Amino acid sequence: MSLSPLDDYPVHQVAEPIRRVGPSDRHFYDRYYFNCHALDEDLCLIAGFGCYPNLGTVDGFVVVVHGSDHRVVRASRELGADRMDTSVGPFRVEVLEGLRRLRLVLDPNAWGLALDLTFTGSIAAQEEPRHLWRQNHRVVFDSARLAQTGRWSGSLTVGDRTFDVAPDRWWGCRDRSWGVRPVGEPEPPGIRAVRPPAMFWNYAQAQFEDFSIVYMVQEERDGSRVLQEAVRVWNDPARPVEHLGRPEHTLSFAPSTRTVTSAVLDLGAVGKVAVTPGLAVHLGIGTGYGREPDWVHGMYQGPLKVEGLTVDLDDPDVQGRKTGVVDTVGRFELPDGTVGYGLWEYAIGGPHDRYGFQSYRDGWRGSAG
């Protein structure tokens, strides 16, 4: 039977039951992302929940980096009939007020992470530009996304310590995206084996007292743009969103690595914003965003599987796993000295002429970060 409880709601987009999405592409996905960081503690939490209708799976993760301690709890299950069931194992997402308040819960478990947190948006949710990207002429990204900065409240337990999470000291952001992007078990590489794609991605959601800045750039090797956006969004919904024009970036890297040590963003009317990356969360370690063969987003793990892991980021044996997407707690300083904090994310794979990366591997071998 194809029907599900959601078919009783007027939310259909195609002439099919809700369990069947329009595109037949196996890479269709529907995902939540959450970021929570403390202003007075060396701690960052990132969580995600994804649904993959054409793969028949759901998965989720919570990762907390506290100092050099990197802890992950992750879970996967078969999708089943009810797309409204946004839980997997001990983890669940609850929409309390659409586009404004959401709740995350991770029940106590064997890996020393537990939480009950509520996100409240500081700004209205922002629709980002459509993300369309082809590699070797094949569409690999075709997705829509919303972005929103906000504040957190609730409790978070990491090991033997429990944090009282209050909105004056715990900031963050979220996004929701859906469409097509690479998920599931890897495909045969085909032409990618001899023509691997280049990926330059840089993204920020920076929160200040009265407004937020959302910035993104994706470039090809030669600097041509796949995607770009820069807006200032005021907390006061009566004030219009300011579109800041074409954003420009100047990144500095630790020697012989792809680790960004500082950046300057030229954001039109806002001016030049100085970015200092802080605590880093390497999403390639255990969350499904990396290339680890046993756990990638959408991979079938059986009816239900729950796992956890803890690594010491200072361990020399872990250095080689620090590849792929890096999410840091960024400090953003405006030309007038105003300071904000938020997500500073980058992923730089393959060649990029402007920054001197000539192959897919240079900057990763022996990487210090």
Protein backbone atom coordinates (compact mmCIF):
# COMPACT_ATOMS: atom_id res chain seq x y z
CA MET A 1 0.00 0.00 0.00
CA SER A 2 1.34 3.42 -0.96
CA LEU A 3 -0.88 5.63 1.19
CA SER A 4 0.36 7.15 4.44
CA PRO A 5 -1.14 9.43 7.13
CA LEU A 6 0.26 12.52 5.42
CA ASP A 7 -1.96 11.86 2.39
CA ASP A 8 -4.88 13.19 4.46
CA TYR A 9 -3.30 16.67 4.37
CA PRO A 10 -3.41 19.02 1.34
CA VAL A 11 0.35 19.03 0.81
CA HIS A 12 0.78 17.03 -2.41
CA GLN A 13 3.05 18.43 -5.12
CA VAL A 14 2.70 15.71 -7.76
CA ALA A 15 -0.05 13.27 -8.72
CA GLU A 16 1.31 10.56 -6.43
CA PRO A 17 0.93 9.57 -2.77
CA ILE A 18 3.28 11.51 -0.50
CA ARG A 19 5.54 8.47 -0.11
CA ARG A 20 6.49 8.86 -3.79
CA VAL A 21 8.51 11.96 -4.65
CA GLY A 22 8.48 13.52 -8.10
CA PRO A 23 12.06 12.82 -9.20
CA SER A 24 13.07 9.19 -9.63
CA ASP A 25 16.71 10.09 -8.92
CA ARG A 26 18.06 7.83 -6.16
CA HIS A 27 19.82 10.90 -4.70
CA PHE A 28 16.62 12.72 -3.72
CA TYR A 29 16.81 13.81 -0.07
CA ASP A 30 15.01 15.98 2.53
CA ARG A 31 17.19 17.12 5.43
CA TYR A 32 17.46 19.21 8.60
CA TYR A 33 20.73 20.74 9.80
CA PHE A 34 21.23 22.41 13.20
CA ASN A 35 24.20 24.28 14.68
CA CYS A 36 24.50 25.30 18.36
CA HIS A 37 27.54 26.95 19.92
CA ALA A 38 28.36 28.55 23.24
CA LEU A 39 29.71 32.09 23.47
CA ASP A 40 31.60 31.39 26.71
CA GLU A 41 32.58 27.72 26.28
CA ASP A 42 34.80 25.87 23.81
CA LEU A 43 31.88 23.76 22.58
CA CYS A 44 29.89 23.29 19.38
CA LEU A 45 27.02 20.92 18.60
CA ILE A 46 25.81 19.99 15.12
CA ALA A 47 22.86 17.73 14.39
CA GLY A 48 21.22 16.48 11.25
CA PHE A 49 18.23 14.39 10.21
CA GLY A 50 17.71 13.17 6.66
CA CYS A 51 15.00 11.33 4.74
CA TYR A 52 15.82 9.52 1.48
CA PRO A 53 12.53 8.35 -0.10
CA ASN A 54 14.05 6.65 -3.15
CA LEU A 55 16.53 4.77 -0.96
CA GLY A 56 13.95 3.82 1.66
CA THR A 57 16.03 5.11 4.57
CA VAL A 58 16.11 7.75 7.32
CA ASP A 59 19.16 8.72 9.36
CA GLY A 60 20.31 11.25 11.90
CA PHE A 61 23.32 12.26 13.94
CA VAL A 62 24.46 14.49 16.76
CA VAL A 63 28.11 15.51 17.05
CA VAL A 64 29.54 17.58 19.89
CA VAL A 65 33.08 18.92 19.94
CA HIS A 66 34.18 20.10 23.38
CA GLY A 67 37.83 21.07 23.37
CA SER A 68 39.55 18.18 21.57
CA ASP A 69 36.80 15.68 22.40
CA HIS A 70 34.71 14.70 19.33
CA ARG A 71 31.61 12.62 20.17
CA VAL A 72 29.04 11.29 17.72
CA VAL A 73 25.77 9.44 18.15
CA ARG A 74 24.22 8.32 14.87
CA ALA A 75 21.23 6.22 13.87
CA SER A 76 19.63 4.83 10.74
CA ARG A 77 16.37 3.01 10.02
CA GLU A 78 14.10 1.96 7.21
CA LEU A 79 11.82 4.81 6.11
CA GLY A 80 8.45 3.10 6.52
CA ALA A 81 5.12 4.69 5.63
CA ASP A 82 4.97 7.80 7.81
CA ARG A 83 7.02 10.74 6.53
CA MET A 84 5.81 12.73 9.56
CA ASP A 85 7.88 10.47 11.84
CA THR A 86 11.01 12.58 12.31
CA SER A 87 12.67 10.25 14.78
CA VAL A 88 15.39 7.65 14.43
CA GLY A 89 16.57 5.58 17.38
CA PRO A 90 17.17 7.89 20.37
CA PHE A 91 17.07 11.09 18.27
CA ARG A 92 14.10 13.12 17.11
CA VAL A 93 13.21 16.50 15.62
CA GLU A 94 9.94 18.24 16.50
CA VAL A 95 8.53 21.25 14.64
CA LEU A 96 6.87 23.31 17.37
CA GLU A 97 6.06 26.35 15.22
CA GLY A 98 6.81 26.17 11.51
CA LEU A 99 9.69 28.42 10.37
CA ARG A 100 10.29 29.65 13.94
CA ARG A 101 10.67 27.05 16.73
CA LEU A 102 11.99 23.48 16.62
CA ARG A 103 12.96 20.99 19.30
CA LEU A 104 15.80 18.46 19.27
CA VAL A 105 15.87 15.49 21.65
CA LEU A 106 18.58 12.87 22.09
CA ASP A 107 17.72 10.39 24.80
CA PRO A 108 20.47 9.21 27.20
CA ASN A 109 22.62 6.53 25.62
CA ALA A 110 25.88 4.61 25.97
CA TRP A 111 28.00 7.30 24.30
CA GLY A 112 27.67 10.10 26.82
CA LEU A 113 25.53 12.55 24.82
CA ALA A 114 22.01 13.64 25.68
CA LEU A 115 20.02 16.77 24.98
CA ASP A 116 16.66 18.47 25.00
CA LEU A 117 17.05 21.75 23.12
CA THR A 118 14.67 24.26 21.55
CA PHE A 119 15.71 26.54 18.69
CA THR A 120 13.95 29.90 18.29
CA GLY A 121 14.64 31.91 15.16
CA SER A 122 16.17 35.37 15.54
CA ILE A 123 15.31 36.26 11.94
CA ALA A 124 12.67 35.08 9.53
CA ALA A 125 13.64 31.94 7.62
CA GLN A 126 15.35 32.96 4.38
CA GLU A 127 14.93 31.16 1.07
CA GLU A 128 18.33 30.71 -0.52
CA PRO A 129 19.01 30.66 -4.27
CA ARG A 130 18.32 27.39 -6.07
CA HIS A 131 21.48 25.24 -6.00
CA LEU A 132 22.10 23.64 -9.40
CA TRP A 133 25.49 22.08 -10.12
CA ARG A 134 26.62 19.74 -12.86
CA GLN A 135 29.75 17.59 -12.80
CA ASN A 136 30.89 16.20 -16.14
CA HIS A 137 27.52 17.45 -17.48
CA ARG A 138 25.48 15.40 -15.00
CA VAL A 139 23.25 17.13 -12.44
CA VAL A 140 24.59 16.27 -8.98
CA PHE A 141 22.98 19.11 -7.00
CA ASP A 142 19.51 20.47 -7.62
CA SER A 143 18.19 21.60 -4.29
CA ALA A 144 16.23 24.26 -2.43
CA ARG A 145 17.21 25.47 1.03
CA LEU A 146 16.15 27.84 3.80
CA ALA A 147 18.50 29.42 6.34
CA GLN A 148 17.81 30.90 9.78
CA THR A 149 19.88 32.13 12.69
CA GLY A 150 18.55 31.79 16.22
CA ARG A 151 19.08 31.13 19.92
CA TRP A 152 18.90 27.91 21.95
CA SER A 153 17.44 26.92 25.29
CA GLY A 154 17.27 23.65 27.24
CA SER A 155 19.89 21.21 28.49
CA LEU A 156 22.88 19.38 27.04
CA THR A 157 24.85 16.57 28.66
CA VAL A 158 28.36 15.73 27.44
CA GLY A 159 30.04 12.98 29.41
CA ASP A 160 29.73 13.77 33.11
CA ARG A 161 28.86 17.45 32.58
CA THR A 162 25.42 18.97 31.98
CA PHE A 163 25.09 22.47 30.50
CA ASP A 164 22.19 24.81 31.16
CA VAL A 165 21.57 26.17 27.66
CA ALA A 166 20.18 29.71 27.71
CA PRO A 167 19.55 31.99 24.70
CA ASP A 168 21.78 34.82 25.88
CA ARG A 169 24.88 32.58 25.67
CA TRP A 170 23.95 29.82 23.20
CA TRP A 171 23.56 30.98 19.62
CA GLY A 172 23.40 29.11 16.35
CA CYS A 173 21.61 28.52 13.10
CA ARG A 174 19.80 25.93 11.06
CA ASP A 175 18.96 25.07 7.49
CA ARG A 176 16.45 22.88 5.70
CA SER A 177 17.21 21.57 2.26
CA TRP A 178 15.60 19.15 -0.15
CA GLY A 179 16.13 18.01 -3.70
CA VAL A 180 19.00 16.09 -5.26
CA ARG A 181 22.54 15.74 -3.93
CA PRO A 182 24.93 12.75 -3.64
CA VAL A 183 23.62 10.33 -0.98
CA GLY A 184 23.57 6.60 -0.42
CA GLU A 185 26.04 3.89 -1.33
CA PRO A 186 28.73 5.07 -3.77
CA GLU A 187 28.22 4.59 -7.49
CA PRO A 188 30.92 3.40 -9.90
CA PRO A 189 33.05 6.48 -10.60
CA GLY A 190 33.00 6.29 -14.38
CA ILE A 191 34.57 9.39 -15.91
CA ARG A 192 35.10 10.86 -12.43
CA ALA A 193 37.99 8.41 -12.00
CA VAL A 194 40.01 10.40 -14.52
CA ARG A 195 38.22 13.78 -14.24
CA PRO A 196 37.44 14.27 -10.54
CA PRO A 197 35.35 17.37 -9.84
CA ALA A 198 36.73 20.44 -8.08
CA MET A 199 34.70 21.83 -5.18
CA PHE A 200 35.16 25.23 -3.56
CA TRP A 201 32.44 25.96 -1.01
CA ASN A 202 32.33 28.77 1.54
CA TYR A 203 29.28 29.55 3.68
CA ALA A 204 28.40 31.66 6.71
CA GLN A 205 25.44 32.49 8.92
CA ALA A 206 26.74 35.27 11.17
CA GLN A 207 24.56 36.59 13.98
CA PHE A 208 24.83 40.04 15.54
CA GLU A 209 22.61 41.65 18.16
CA ASP A 210 20.18 43.28 15.70
CA PHE A 211 20.69 41.42 12.42
CA SER A 212 22.28 38.45 10.71
CA ILE A 213 24.33 37.99 7.56
CA VAL A 214 23.91 34.98 5.28
CA TYR A 215 26.75 34.47 2.79
CA MET A 216 27.62 31.70 0.37
CA VAL A 217 29.94 31.11 -2.56
CA GLN A 218 30.58 28.02 -4.65
CA GLU A 219 33.20 28.24 -7.38
CA GLU A 220 34.74 26.06 -10.04
CA ARG A 221 38.51 25.71 -10.36
CA ASP A 222 38.81 28.91 -12.41
CA GLY A 223 36.73 30.98 -9.98
CA SER A 224 33.54 30.98 -12.04
CA ARG A 225 30.52 30.95 -9.76
CA VAL A 226 28.06 28.10 -9.36
CA LEU A 227 26.18 29.79 -6.51
CA GLN A 228 26.47 33.08 -4.65
CA GLU A 229 24.47 35.12 -2.16
CA ALA A 230 25.03 37.80 0.47
CA VAL A 231 22.17 39.34 2.46
CA ARG A 232 21.69 41.23 5.70
CA VAL A 233 18.49 40.24 7.51
CA TRP A 234 17.29 42.36 10.42
CA ASN A 235 15.70 40.86 13.53
CA ASP A 236 12.90 43.38 13.07
CA PRO A 237 10.69 41.81 10.38
CA ALA A 238 9.44 45.25 9.34
CA ARG A 239 12.88 46.10 7.94
CA PRO A 240 13.52 44.80 4.42
CA VAL A 241 16.22 42.27 3.61
CA GLU A 242 19.32 43.98 2.21
CA HIS A 243 20.85 42.28 -0.81
CA LEU A 244 24.57 43.05 -0.69
CA GLY A 245 25.55 42.26 -4.26
CA ARG A 246 28.35 39.99 -5.44
CA PRO A 247 30.33 38.79 -2.40
CA GLU A 248 34.12 38.57 -2.59
CA HIS A 249 36.45 36.52 -0.40
CA THR A 250 40.13 36.46 0.57
CA LEU A 251 41.08 33.34 2.52
CA SER A 252 44.33 32.61 4.36
CA PHE A 253 45.48 29.02 4.95
CA ALA A 254 47.82 27.29 7.35
CA PRO A 255 50.99 26.36 5.42
CA SER A 256 50.68 23.20 3.30
CA THR A 257 47.05 22.64 4.36
CA ARG A 258 43.52 23.59 3.39
CA THR A 259 42.78 24.80 6.90
CA VAL A 260 41.43 28.36 6.78
CA THR A 261 43.09 30.50 9.47
CA SER A 262 41.40 33.82 8.63
CA ALA A 263 39.34 35.48 5.95
CA VAL A 264 38.07 38.82 4.72
CA LEU A 265 34.66 39.03 3.08
CA ASP A 266 33.79 42.08 1.00
CA LEU A 267 30.02 42.38 1.36
CA GLY A 268 28.99 45.54 -0.43
CA ALA A 269 27.20 48.01 1.85
CA VAL A 270 28.31 46.10 4.97
CA GLY A 271 31.97 46.54 3.96
CA LYS A 272 34.88 44.23 4.64
CA VAL A 273 34.15 41.67 7.31
CA ALA A 274 37.10 40.05 9.13
CA VAL A 275 36.48 36.37 9.92
CA THR A 276 38.41 34.40 12.54
CA PRO A 277 37.55 30.67 12.60
CA GLY A 278 37.33 29.21 16.09
CA LEU A 279 36.48 25.72 17.30
CA ALA A 280 36.28 23.37 14.30
CA VAL A 281 33.87 20.49 13.77
CA HIS A 282 35.15 18.07 11.13
CA LEU A 283 31.95 16.68 9.69
CA GLY A 284 33.87 13.98 7.84
CA ILE A 285 34.38 12.12 11.13
CA GLY A 286 31.42 9.90 11.85
CA THR A 287 28.44 12.04 10.80
CA GLY A 288 27.84 10.76 7.26
CA TYR A 289 29.19 13.86 5.49
CA GLY A 290 32.56 12.24 4.84
CA ARG A 291 33.94 9.37 2.81
CA GLU A 292 33.90 6.74 5.54
CA PRO A 293 32.79 3.52 3.82
CA ASP A 294 30.59 2.27 6.67
CA TRP A 295 28.38 5.34 7.16
CA VAL A 296 27.29 7.91 4.60
CA HIS A 297 23.95 9.70 4.41
CA GLY A 298 21.20 7.49 3.04
CA MET A 299 23.18 4.24 3.21
CA TYR A 300 21.08 1.23 4.11
CA GLN A 301 22.03 -0.02 7.58
CA GLY A 302 19.16 -2.44 8.22
CA PRO A 303 15.80 -2.00 9.99
CA LEU A 304 17.43 0.04 12.79
CA LYS A 305 21.04 0.69 13.71
CA VAL A 306 22.36 3.00 16.45
CA GLU A 307 26.08 3.67 16.92
CA GLY A 308 28.41 6.08 18.66
CA LEU A 309 32.06 7.02 18.63
CA THR A 310 34.47 9.25 20.50
CA VAL A 311 37.81 10.46 19.16
CA ASP A 312 40.53 12.77 20.41
CA LEU A 313 41.12 15.38 17.72
CA ASP A 314 44.69 15.89 18.97
CA ASP A 315 45.54 12.22 18.32
CA PRO A 316 48.02 12.04 15.40
CA ASP A 317 46.12 9.05 14.02
CA VAL A 318 43.02 11.22 13.59
CA GLN A 319 44.69 13.90 11.45
CA GLY A 320 44.10 12.05 8.19
CA ARG A 321 40.34 11.94 8.86
CA LYS A 322 40.04 15.75 8.96
CA THR A 323 38.96 16.09 5.34
CA GLY A 324 35.82 17.36 3.68
CA VAL A 325 33.39 19.84 5.21
CA VAL A 326 34.64 21.90 8.17
CA ASP A 327 32.15 23.84 10.30
CA THR A 328 33.73 26.31 12.70
CA VAL A 329 32.46 28.77 15.29
CA GLY A 330 33.35 31.96 13.47
CA ARG A 331 34.01 35.41 14.89
CA PHE A 332 32.87 38.13 12.46
CA GLU A 333 34.04 41.73 12.90
CA LEU A 334 32.52 44.57 10.90
CA PRO A 335 34.52 47.66 9.85
CA ASP A 336 33.05 49.68 12.75
CA GLY A 337 34.23 47.08 15.30
CA THR A 338 30.86 45.39 15.80
CA VAL A 339 31.37 41.68 16.50
CA GLY A 340 29.08 38.76 15.77
CA TYR A 341 29.36 34.98 15.92
CA GLY A 342 28.06 32.07 13.92
CA LEU A 343 28.72 29.35 11.41
CA TRP A 344 31.82 29.62 9.22
CA GLU A 345 31.86 26.62 6.89
CA TYR A 346 34.18 25.62 4.10
CA ALA A 347 34.93 22.63 1.90
CA ILE A 348 37.70 22.84 -0.66
CA GLY A 349 38.33 19.70 -2.66
CA GLY A 350 40.32 19.45 -5.86
CA PRO A 351 42.13 22.23 -7.71
CA HIS A 352 41.47 25.93 -7.20
CA ASP A 353 43.71 28.22 -9.20
CA ARG A 354 43.43 31.40 -7.16
CA TYR A 355 44.48 29.71 -3.90
CA GLY A 356 47.18 27.55 -5.45
CA PHE A 357 45.66 24.08 -5.10
CA GLN A 358 46.75 22.19 -8.20
CA SER A 359 45.47 18.68 -7.52
CA TYR A 360 42.90 16.84 -5.48
CA ARG A 361 45.42 15.77 -2.84
CA ASP A 362 47.71 18.72 -2.23
CA GLY A 363 46.96 20.38 1.07
CA TRP A 364 45.61 17.16 2.60
CA ARG A 365 48.74 15.04 2.88
CA GLY A 366 50.18 15.60 6.33
CA SER A 367 47.48 18.15 7.04
CA ALA A 368 47.73 19.79 10.45
CA GLY A 369 44.03 20.60 10.63
